[in-house]
Structure formats: structure tokens, C-alpha cells
Amino acid sequence: MTDSIKGATNGNGSDSRQFLLQQLFVKDLSFEAPNAPVTLQGASGEPDVKLNLRHSSRALDGDAYEVVLHLSVHAELAGKTVFLAELDQAGLFIIKGYQEEERRQLLGVYCPNTLFPYAREAISSTVARGGFPPLMLQPINFEALYAQAAAQQEGQA
């Protein structure tokens, strides 16, 4: 799968900047329901669901970058784990011709934004296959998270 996501030309028709999503893939996926079938037999109340989210990126050969969105969803009810779903949704991106700050922003905002809908669907279907109602994760503002992390780094410097 190769999609041209974003590009600019330098005036003579050739691309000076490229941002391509080359491949999507699940790097790791796990699901645990340690207290099933008890938790599947109509326990009263809504579970407390906690989402932990982070992303990482690494440079590969040439202009290729692997970006991984790490999600962990833990549902608890009355102090017992209902389920735990963990996913590493990854993508291979080509980033060429961008300045360092632009590249960091693409890796920290646009790439995770691209990966999140796939991660959300994978978590939802995995939870449903585990016998629980599908879990719909709310959209995430990766631009705000990136700005917050940048502000924290400036504060520590």
C-alpha cells in the first residue's frame, strides 16, 4: 500500500518534499480477560476504562521512518480486571525534503493521527471478539499533545 499523503513541488515539476504512507501493520496485539467468564455474566455497573497512549519513531534506511502507536486499554470493575488490550499499530512512512522541525512535527502529529483510526478499530474488534461490547475510543488531538510535550521540554531546559 503506497499512498501519497502530502507533497510539494519546487517549480520545475519534480517533488522537492515527499510524505508518503508506505505500509500499515500491527506490530503487536494482546488481549486478556483474566476473570472471564465471571465478568461476562452480567456484572452490574460500568467498568472503569483507562487508556494509556504513546508513540515512538525511528529512522530506517534512506528517508524511511517507522512510527508505532502504543495503546493499552485496561477495564476494571469492582477492583477486578475485566479486560486488558494492548496494541502496537505501526506504519512505514517516507519523509523527504522537510526541515528538522517539520519532520519532528510530521512524526509526532501527522503519523500518529494517521495510525489512530486503524488502532481504534483493532482495539474495538478485539474487545468484541473477547465477548465484550465493542469499545469506541474517542478521537485524540495529537497536535495538542505534541504542543504540550514541546512546552514541557522547554520548561525542563
N, C-alpha and C. Protein backbone atom coordinates (compact mmCIF):
# COMPACT_ATOMS: atom_id res chain seq x y z
N MET A 1 0.84 -1.16 0.00
CA MET A 1 0.00 0.00 0.00
C MET A 1 0.89 1.22 0.00
N THR A 2 0.80 2.03 -1.02
CA THR A 2 1.57 3.26 -1.10
C THR A 2 0.62 4.38 -1.46
N ASP A 3 0.49 5.34 -0.58
CA ASP A 3 -0.37 6.48 -0.82
C ASP A 3 0.45 7.75 -0.68
N SER A 4 0.30 8.67 -1.60
CA SER A 4 0.94 9.97 -1.47
C SER A 4 0.06 10.80 -0.56
N ILE A 5 0.55 11.13 0.61
CA ILE A 5 -0.24 11.86 1.58
C ILE A 5 -0.07 13.37 1.39
N LYS A 6 1.14 13.80 1.14
CA LYS A 6 1.41 15.22 1.09
C LYS A 6 2.66 15.43 0.25
N GLY A 7 2.69 16.46 -0.53
CA GLY A 7 3.88 16.74 -1.32
C GLY A 7 3.88 18.17 -1.80
N ALA A 8 5.00 18.63 -2.19
CA ALA A 8 5.14 19.98 -2.74
C ALA A 8 6.10 19.91 -3.91
N THR A 9 5.94 20.80 -4.86
CA THR A 9 6.86 20.82 -5.99
C THR A 9 7.74 22.03 -5.90
N ASN A 10 8.87 21.95 -6.57
CA ASN A 10 9.84 23.03 -6.49
C ASN A 10 9.77 23.97 -7.69
N GLY A 11 8.70 23.87 -8.47
CA GLY A 11 8.54 24.80 -9.59
C GLY A 11 8.85 24.19 -10.93
N ASN A 12 9.73 23.20 -10.99
CA ASN A 12 10.05 22.58 -12.27
C ASN A 12 9.33 21.25 -12.46
N GLY A 13 8.34 20.98 -11.58
CA GLY A 13 7.53 19.79 -11.72
C GLY A 13 8.01 18.59 -10.91
N SER A 14 9.24 18.62 -10.40
CA SER A 14 9.70 17.48 -9.61
C SER A 14 9.39 17.73 -8.13
N ASP A 15 9.18 16.64 -7.41
CA ASP A 15 8.87 16.76 -5.99
C ASP A 15 10.11 17.13 -5.20
N SER A 16 10.00 18.18 -4.40
CA SER A 16 11.10 18.55 -3.52
C SER A 16 10.86 17.99 -2.13
N ARG A 17 9.58 17.79 -1.78
CA ARG A 17 9.24 17.23 -0.48
C ARG A 17 8.24 16.09 -0.69
N GLN A 18 8.44 15.04 0.07
CA GLN A 18 7.53 13.90 -0.01
C GLN A 18 7.17 13.45 1.39
N PHE A 19 5.91 13.11 1.56
CA PHE A 19 5.43 12.49 2.78
C PHE A 19 4.47 11.39 2.35
N LEU A 20 4.94 10.14 2.44
CA LEU A 20 4.18 9.01 1.94
C LEU A 20 3.95 7.98 3.03
N LEU A 21 2.75 7.46 3.07
CA LEU A 21 2.46 6.30 3.90
C LEU A 21 2.71 5.09 3.02
N GLN A 22 3.72 4.31 3.36
CA GLN A 22 4.09 3.18 2.52
C GLN A 22 3.42 1.89 2.95
N GLN A 23 3.29 1.68 4.28
CA GLN A 23 2.72 0.43 4.77
C GLN A 23 2.14 0.62 6.16
N LEU A 24 1.01 -0.03 6.43
CA LEU A 24 0.42 -0.11 7.77
C LEU A 24 0.55 -1.54 8.25
N PHE A 25 0.81 -1.73 9.54
CA PHE A 25 0.87 -3.09 10.06
C PHE A 25 0.70 -3.10 11.58
N VAL A 26 0.21 -4.22 12.08
CA VAL A 26 0.12 -4.44 13.52
C VAL A 26 1.41 -5.10 13.95
N LYS A 27 2.12 -4.43 14.83
CA LYS A 27 3.40 -4.95 15.30
C LYS A 27 3.21 -5.90 16.49
N ASP A 28 2.23 -5.60 17.34
CA ASP A 28 1.95 -6.44 18.50
C ASP A 28 0.51 -6.21 18.92
N LEU A 29 -0.16 -7.30 19.31
CA LEU A 29 -1.55 -7.22 19.78
C LEU A 29 -1.76 -8.29 20.83
N SER A 30 -2.29 -7.89 21.98
CA SER A 30 -2.60 -8.89 23.01
C SER A 30 -3.92 -8.51 23.70
N PHE A 31 -4.61 -9.54 24.15
CA PHE A 31 -5.89 -9.36 24.84
C PHE A 31 -5.96 -10.36 25.98
N GLU A 32 -6.34 -9.89 27.15
CA GLU A 32 -6.50 -10.74 28.31
C GLU A 32 -7.84 -10.45 28.97
N ALA A 33 -8.53 -11.49 29.36
CA ALA A 33 -9.75 -11.38 30.16
C ALA A 33 -9.61 -12.37 31.31
N PRO A 34 -8.77 -12.03 32.30
CA PRO A 34 -8.38 -13.00 33.33
C PRO A 34 -9.53 -13.46 34.23
N ASN A 35 -10.60 -12.68 34.31
CA ASN A 35 -11.69 -13.05 35.21
C ASN A 35 -12.93 -13.52 34.46
N ALA A 36 -12.79 -13.83 33.19
CA ALA A 36 -13.90 -14.39 32.43
C ALA A 36 -14.02 -15.86 32.82
N PRO A 37 -15.16 -16.44 32.86
CA PRO A 37 -16.44 -15.94 32.37
C PRO A 37 -17.24 -15.14 33.39
N VAL A 38 -16.73 -14.99 34.62
CA VAL A 38 -17.47 -14.26 35.65
C VAL A 38 -17.80 -12.84 35.18
N THR A 39 -16.83 -12.15 34.56
CA THR A 39 -17.06 -10.77 34.10
C THR A 39 -18.00 -10.70 32.90
N LEU A 40 -18.23 -11.82 32.24
CA LEU A 40 -19.15 -11.86 31.10
C LEU A 40 -20.58 -12.17 31.51
N GLN A 41 -20.79 -12.56 32.77
CA GLN A 41 -22.10 -13.00 33.22
C GLN A 41 -22.89 -11.88 33.89
N GLY A 42 -22.96 -10.74 33.23
CA GLY A 42 -23.84 -9.66 33.68
C GLY A 42 -23.45 -8.99 34.97
N ALA A 43 -22.19 -8.72 35.15
CA ALA A 43 -21.77 -7.95 36.32
C ALA A 43 -22.43 -6.58 36.29
N SER A 44 -22.85 -6.10 37.44
CA SER A 44 -23.56 -4.82 37.48
C SER A 44 -22.57 -3.66 37.48
N GLY A 45 -22.97 -2.59 36.81
CA GLY A 45 -22.15 -1.39 36.75
C GLY A 45 -21.30 -1.32 35.50
N GLU A 46 -20.81 -0.14 35.25
CA GLU A 46 -19.94 0.11 34.10
C GLU A 46 -18.49 0.00 34.55
N PRO A 47 -17.68 -0.67 33.77
CA PRO A 47 -16.26 -0.77 34.15
C PRO A 47 -15.55 0.58 34.00
N ASP A 48 -14.53 0.75 34.79
CA ASP A 48 -13.66 1.92 34.69
C ASP A 48 -12.61 1.59 33.63
N VAL A 49 -12.60 2.36 32.54
CA VAL A 49 -11.71 2.08 31.42
C VAL A 49 -10.62 3.15 31.38
N LYS A 50 -9.37 2.69 31.39
CA LYS A 50 -8.23 3.60 31.34
C LYS A 50 -7.44 3.34 30.06
N LEU A 51 -7.10 4.42 29.38
CA LEU A 51 -6.32 4.34 28.14
C LEU A 51 -4.96 4.96 28.39
N ASN A 52 -3.92 4.23 28.06
CA ASN A 52 -2.56 4.76 28.04
C ASN A 52 -2.12 4.77 26.60
N LEU A 53 -1.55 5.88 26.19
CA LEU A 53 -1.20 6.06 24.79
C LEU A 53 0.16 6.74 24.70
N ARG A 54 0.98 6.26 23.79
CA ARG A 54 2.25 6.92 23.49
C ARG A 54 2.63 6.51 22.07
N HIS A 55 3.60 7.19 21.53
CA HIS A 55 4.09 6.81 20.20
C HIS A 55 5.61 6.90 20.20
N SER A 56 6.19 6.17 19.26
CA SER A 56 7.63 6.22 19.09
C SER A 56 7.92 6.19 17.60
N SER A 57 9.11 6.65 17.25
CA SER A 57 9.51 6.61 15.85
C SER A 57 11.00 6.34 15.78
N ARG A 58 11.38 5.75 14.66
CA ARG A 58 12.81 5.51 14.44
C ARG A 58 13.09 5.60 12.96
N ALA A 59 14.27 6.13 12.67
CA ALA A 59 14.71 6.26 11.29
C ALA A 59 15.20 4.91 10.80
N LEU A 60 14.85 4.60 9.56
CA LEU A 60 15.32 3.39 8.89
C LEU A 60 16.24 3.82 7.76
N ASP A 61 16.50 2.96 6.83
CA ASP A 61 17.36 3.29 5.69
C ASP A 61 16.75 4.41 4.85
N GLY A 62 17.61 5.29 4.35
CA GLY A 62 17.16 6.36 3.46
C GLY A 62 16.24 7.34 4.17
N ASP A 63 15.10 7.59 3.56
CA ASP A 63 14.13 8.54 4.11
C ASP A 63 12.96 7.84 4.78
N ALA A 64 13.12 6.59 5.14
CA ALA A 64 12.03 5.80 5.74
C ALA A 64 12.05 5.93 7.25
N TYR A 65 10.85 5.97 7.83
CA TYR A 65 10.68 6.04 9.28
C TYR A 65 9.59 5.06 9.69
N GLU A 66 9.85 4.34 10.77
CA GLU A 66 8.82 3.51 11.37
C GLU A 66 8.22 4.30 12.52
N VAL A 67 6.91 4.42 12.54
CA VAL A 67 6.21 5.09 13.63
C VAL A 67 5.27 4.06 14.25
N VAL A 68 5.31 3.96 15.58
CA VAL A 68 4.49 2.99 16.29
C VAL A 68 3.62 3.73 17.31
N LEU A 69 2.33 3.46 17.24
CA LEU A 69 1.37 4.00 18.21
C LEU A 69 1.08 2.88 19.20
N HIS A 70 1.45 3.09 20.46
CA HIS A 70 1.30 2.09 21.52
C HIS A 70 0.04 2.43 22.32
N LEU A 71 -0.93 1.52 22.37
CA LEU A 71 -2.15 1.71 23.14
C LEU A 71 -2.32 0.58 24.14
N SER A 72 -2.72 0.94 25.34
CA SER A 72 -3.05 -0.03 26.37
C SER A 72 -4.39 0.39 26.97
N VAL A 73 -5.37 -0.52 26.93
CA VAL A 73 -6.71 -0.24 27.46
C VAL A 73 -6.98 -1.24 28.56
N HIS A 74 -7.21 -0.73 29.77
CA HIS A 74 -7.43 -1.58 30.95
C HIS A 74 -8.82 -1.26 31.50
N ALA A 75 -9.70 -2.26 31.53
CA ALA A 75 -11.04 -2.10 32.09
C ALA A 75 -11.12 -2.85 33.41
N GLU A 76 -11.61 -2.15 34.44
CA GLU A 76 -11.75 -2.73 35.78
C GLU A 76 -13.16 -2.52 36.29
N LEU A 77 -13.63 -3.48 37.06
CA LEU A 77 -14.93 -3.36 37.71
C LEU A 77 -14.79 -3.96 39.11
N ALA A 78 -15.12 -3.17 40.10
CA ALA A 78 -15.04 -3.60 41.50
C ALA A 78 -13.65 -4.14 41.84
N GLY A 79 -12.62 -3.47 41.32
CA GLY A 79 -11.25 -3.83 41.65
C GLY A 79 -10.71 -5.03 40.90
N LYS A 80 -11.51 -5.60 40.00
CA LYS A 80 -11.05 -6.75 39.23
C LYS A 80 -10.92 -6.38 37.76
N THR A 81 -9.90 -6.94 37.12
CA THR A 81 -9.69 -6.67 35.71
C THR A 81 -10.77 -7.36 34.89
N VAL A 82 -11.46 -6.56 34.06
CA VAL A 82 -12.44 -7.10 33.13
C VAL A 82 -11.70 -7.54 31.87
N PHE A 83 -10.90 -6.63 31.32
CA PHE A 83 -10.03 -6.99 30.19
C PHE A 83 -8.87 -6.02 30.11
N LEU A 84 -7.83 -6.48 29.42
CA LEU A 84 -6.66 -5.67 29.13
C LEU A 84 -6.32 -5.91 27.66
N ALA A 85 -6.34 -4.85 26.88
CA ALA A 85 -6.00 -4.94 25.46
C ALA A 85 -4.80 -4.03 25.21
N GLU A 86 -3.79 -4.57 24.54
CA GLU A 86 -2.59 -3.80 24.21
C GLU A 86 -2.30 -3.96 22.73
N LEU A 87 -1.96 -2.85 22.10
CA LEU A 87 -1.75 -2.84 20.66
C LEU A 87 -0.58 -1.93 20.31
N ASP A 88 0.25 -2.39 19.41
CA ASP A 88 1.27 -1.55 18.76
C ASP A 88 0.90 -1.49 17.29
N GLN A 89 0.24 -0.40 16.90
CA GLN A 89 -0.14 -0.17 15.50
C GLN A 89 0.99 0.63 14.86
N ALA A 90 1.53 0.12 13.76
CA ALA A 90 2.71 0.74 13.17
C ALA A 90 2.47 1.14 11.72
N GLY A 91 3.33 2.03 11.27
CA GLY A 91 3.31 2.45 9.88
C GLY A 91 4.71 2.75 9.41
N LEU A 92 4.93 2.53 8.13
CA LEU A 92 6.19 2.87 7.49
C LEU A 92 5.93 4.10 6.63
N PHE A 93 6.63 5.18 6.93
CA PHE A 93 6.44 6.46 6.26
C PHE A 93 7.73 6.88 5.56
N ILE A 94 7.58 7.53 4.41
CA ILE A 94 8.71 8.14 3.71
C ILE A 94 8.58 9.65 3.92
N ILE A 95 9.62 10.24 4.47
CA ILE A 95 9.63 11.68 4.74
C ILE A 95 10.91 12.23 4.12
N LYS A 96 10.75 13.07 3.12
CA LYS A 96 11.90 13.54 2.35
C LYS A 96 11.76 15.04 2.07
N GLY A 97 12.84 15.77 2.29
CA GLY A 97 12.89 17.17 1.92
C GLY A 97 12.32 18.15 2.93
N TYR A 98 12.03 17.71 4.13
CA TYR A 98 11.48 18.59 5.17
C TYR A 98 12.58 19.04 6.11
N GLN A 99 12.45 20.22 6.66
CA GLN A 99 13.36 20.71 7.69
C GLN A 99 13.17 19.87 8.96
N GLU A 100 14.16 19.89 9.83
CA GLU A 100 14.16 19.07 11.05
C GLU A 100 12.89 19.27 11.88
N GLU A 101 12.51 20.51 12.14
CA GLU A 101 11.32 20.78 12.96
C GLU A 101 10.05 20.29 12.27
N GLU A 102 9.96 20.47 10.97
CA GLU A 102 8.80 19.97 10.22
C GLU A 102 8.75 18.44 10.28
N ARG A 103 9.88 17.80 10.15
CA ARG A 103 9.95 16.34 10.21
C ARG A 103 9.51 15.84 11.58
N ARG A 104 9.99 16.50 12.64
CA ARG A 104 9.59 16.12 14.00
C ARG A 104 8.08 16.26 14.18
N GLN A 105 7.52 17.32 13.62
CA GLN A 105 6.07 17.53 13.74
C GLN A 105 5.30 16.48 12.94
N LEU A 106 5.79 16.13 11.76
CA LEU A 106 5.14 15.06 10.98
C LEU A 106 5.16 13.75 11.77
N LEU A 107 6.31 13.42 12.36
CA LEU A 107 6.44 12.19 13.12
C LEU A 107 5.63 12.20 14.41
N GLY A 108 5.46 13.39 15.00
CA GLY A 108 4.77 13.50 16.29
C GLY A 108 3.30 13.81 16.20
N VAL A 109 2.83 14.30 15.05
CA VAL A 109 1.43 14.68 14.92
C VAL A 109 0.75 13.91 13.78
N TYR A 110 1.23 14.09 12.58
CA TYR A 110 0.54 13.55 11.42
C TYR A 110 0.59 12.03 11.37
N CYS A 111 1.74 11.44 11.66
CA CYS A 111 1.85 9.97 11.61
C CYS A 111 0.94 9.31 12.65
N PRO A 112 0.99 9.71 13.94
CA PRO A 112 0.07 9.11 14.90
C PRO A 112 -1.40 9.35 14.55
N ASN A 113 -1.69 10.53 14.00
CA ASN A 113 -3.05 10.83 13.55
C ASN A 113 -3.50 9.87 12.46
N THR A 114 -2.59 9.50 11.59
CA THR A 114 -2.88 8.56 10.51
C THR A 114 -3.09 7.16 11.07
N LEU A 115 -2.32 6.76 12.06
CA LEU A 115 -2.39 5.42 12.61
C LEU A 115 -3.58 5.20 13.55
N PHE A 116 -4.06 6.26 14.21
CA PHE A 116 -5.06 6.11 15.26
C PHE A 116 -6.36 5.45 14.80
N PRO A 117 -6.94 5.81 13.67
CA PRO A 117 -8.19 5.13 13.28
C PRO A 117 -8.03 3.62 13.12
N TYR A 118 -6.89 3.18 12.64
CA TYR A 118 -6.63 1.75 12.50
C TYR A 118 -6.49 1.10 13.87
N ALA A 119 -5.82 1.78 14.78
CA ALA A 119 -5.65 1.27 16.14
C ALA A 119 -7.00 1.21 16.85
N ARG A 120 -7.81 2.23 16.68
CA ARG A 120 -9.13 2.28 17.32
C ARG A 120 -9.99 1.11 16.85
N GLU A 121 -9.97 0.82 15.55
CA GLU A 121 -10.76 -0.29 15.01
C GLU A 121 -10.22 -1.63 15.52
N ALA A 122 -8.90 -1.79 15.58
CA ALA A 122 -8.31 -3.04 16.05
C ALA A 122 -8.67 -3.30 17.51
N ILE A 123 -8.61 -2.28 18.35
CA ILE A 123 -8.97 -2.42 19.77
C ILE A 123 -10.45 -2.78 19.89
N SER A 124 -11.31 -2.07 19.18
CA SER A 124 -12.75 -2.30 19.25
C SER A 124 -13.11 -3.72 18.83
N SER A 125 -12.57 -4.19 17.73
CA SER A 125 -12.91 -5.53 17.26
C SER A 125 -12.30 -6.61 18.16
N THR A 126 -11.12 -6.36 18.72
CA THR A 126 -10.51 -7.33 19.63
C THR A 126 -11.32 -7.47 20.90
N VAL A 127 -11.77 -6.36 21.46
CA VAL A 127 -12.60 -6.39 22.66
C VAL A 127 -13.91 -7.13 22.37
N ALA A 128 -14.51 -6.86 21.21
CA ALA A 128 -15.76 -7.53 20.83
C ALA A 128 -15.54 -9.03 20.66
N ARG A 129 -14.42 -9.42 20.07
CA ARG A 129 -14.13 -10.85 19.91
C ARG A 129 -13.87 -11.53 21.25
N GLY A 130 -13.51 -10.73 22.24
CA GLY A 130 -13.32 -11.25 23.59
C GLY A 130 -14.63 -11.45 24.32
N GLY A 131 -15.75 -11.11 23.67
CA GLY A 131 -17.06 -11.33 24.27
C GLY A 131 -17.66 -10.11 24.95
N PHE A 132 -17.01 -8.97 24.83
CA PHE A 132 -17.48 -7.75 25.47
C PHE A 132 -18.06 -6.81 24.42
N PRO A 133 -18.85 -5.82 24.84
CA PRO A 133 -19.34 -4.85 23.86
C PRO A 133 -18.16 -4.12 23.21
N PRO A 134 -18.28 -3.79 21.91
CA PRO A 134 -17.18 -3.06 21.25
C PRO A 134 -16.85 -1.77 22.01
N LEU A 135 -15.60 -1.44 22.05
CA LEU A 135 -15.12 -0.25 22.75
C LEU A 135 -14.80 0.82 21.73
N MET A 136 -15.44 1.96 21.84
CA MET A 136 -15.19 3.05 20.90
C MET A 136 -14.32 4.10 21.59
N LEU A 137 -13.06 4.14 21.21
CA LEU A 137 -12.14 5.14 21.76
C LEU A 137 -12.44 6.49 21.12
N GLN A 138 -12.40 7.52 21.92
CA GLN A 138 -12.67 8.87 21.43
C GLN A 138 -11.47 9.38 20.63
N PRO A 139 -11.72 10.30 19.67
CA PRO A 139 -10.60 10.87 18.90
C PRO A 139 -9.58 11.54 19.82
N ILE A 140 -8.35 11.57 19.37
CA ILE A 140 -7.24 12.15 20.14
C ILE A 140 -6.68 13.33 19.34
N ASN A 141 -6.40 14.42 20.03
CA ASN A 141 -5.80 15.59 19.41
C ASN A 141 -4.27 15.50 19.56
N PHE A 142 -3.63 14.88 18.56
CA PHE A 142 -2.19 14.69 18.64
C PHE A 142 -1.43 16.00 18.51
N GLU A 143 -2.02 16.99 17.87
CA GLU A 143 -1.37 18.29 17.76
C GLU A 143 -1.26 18.94 19.14
N ALA A 144 -2.32 18.84 19.93
CA ALA A 144 -2.28 19.40 21.29
C ALA A 144 -1.29 18.63 22.16
N LEU A 145 -1.25 17.31 22.02
CA LEU A 145 -0.29 16.51 22.80
C LEU A 145 1.15 16.86 22.43
N TYR A 146 1.39 17.06 21.13
CA TYR A 146 2.73 17.44 20.66
C TYR A 146 3.13 18.81 21.23
N ALA A 147 2.20 19.77 21.20
CA ALA A 147 2.48 21.10 21.73
C ALA A 147 2.73 21.04 23.24
N GLN A 148 1.97 20.22 23.94
CA GLN A 148 2.16 20.07 25.39
C GLN A 148 3.53 19.47 25.70
N ALA A 149 3.93 18.44 24.96
CA ALA A 149 5.23 17.82 25.17
C ALA A 149 6.36 18.80 24.85
N ALA A 150 6.20 19.60 23.80
CA ALA A 150 7.22 20.60 23.45
C ALA A 150 7.34 21.64 24.55
N ALA A 151 6.20 22.07 25.11
CA ALA A 151 6.23 23.06 26.19
C ALA A 151 6.90 22.49 27.42
N GLN A 152 6.66 21.21 27.73
CA GLN A 152 7.31 20.57 28.87
C GLN A 152 8.81 20.48 28.67
N GLN A 153 9.25 20.17 27.46
CA GLN A 153 10.68 20.09 27.17
C GLN A 153 11.33 21.45 27.33
N GLU A 154 10.66 22.51 26.89
CA GLU A 154 11.20 23.86 27.04
C GLU A 154 11.30 24.25 28.50
N GLY A 155 10.30 23.83 29.29
CA GLY A 155 10.29 24.13 30.72
C GLY A 155 11.40 23.43 31.46
N GLN A 156 11.77 22.23 31.00
CA GLN A 156 12.83 21.48 31.66
C GLN A 156 14.23 21.98 31.23
N ALA A 157 14.31 22.63 30.08
CA ALA A 157 15.62 23.07 29.55
C ALA A 157 16.16 24.28 30.23
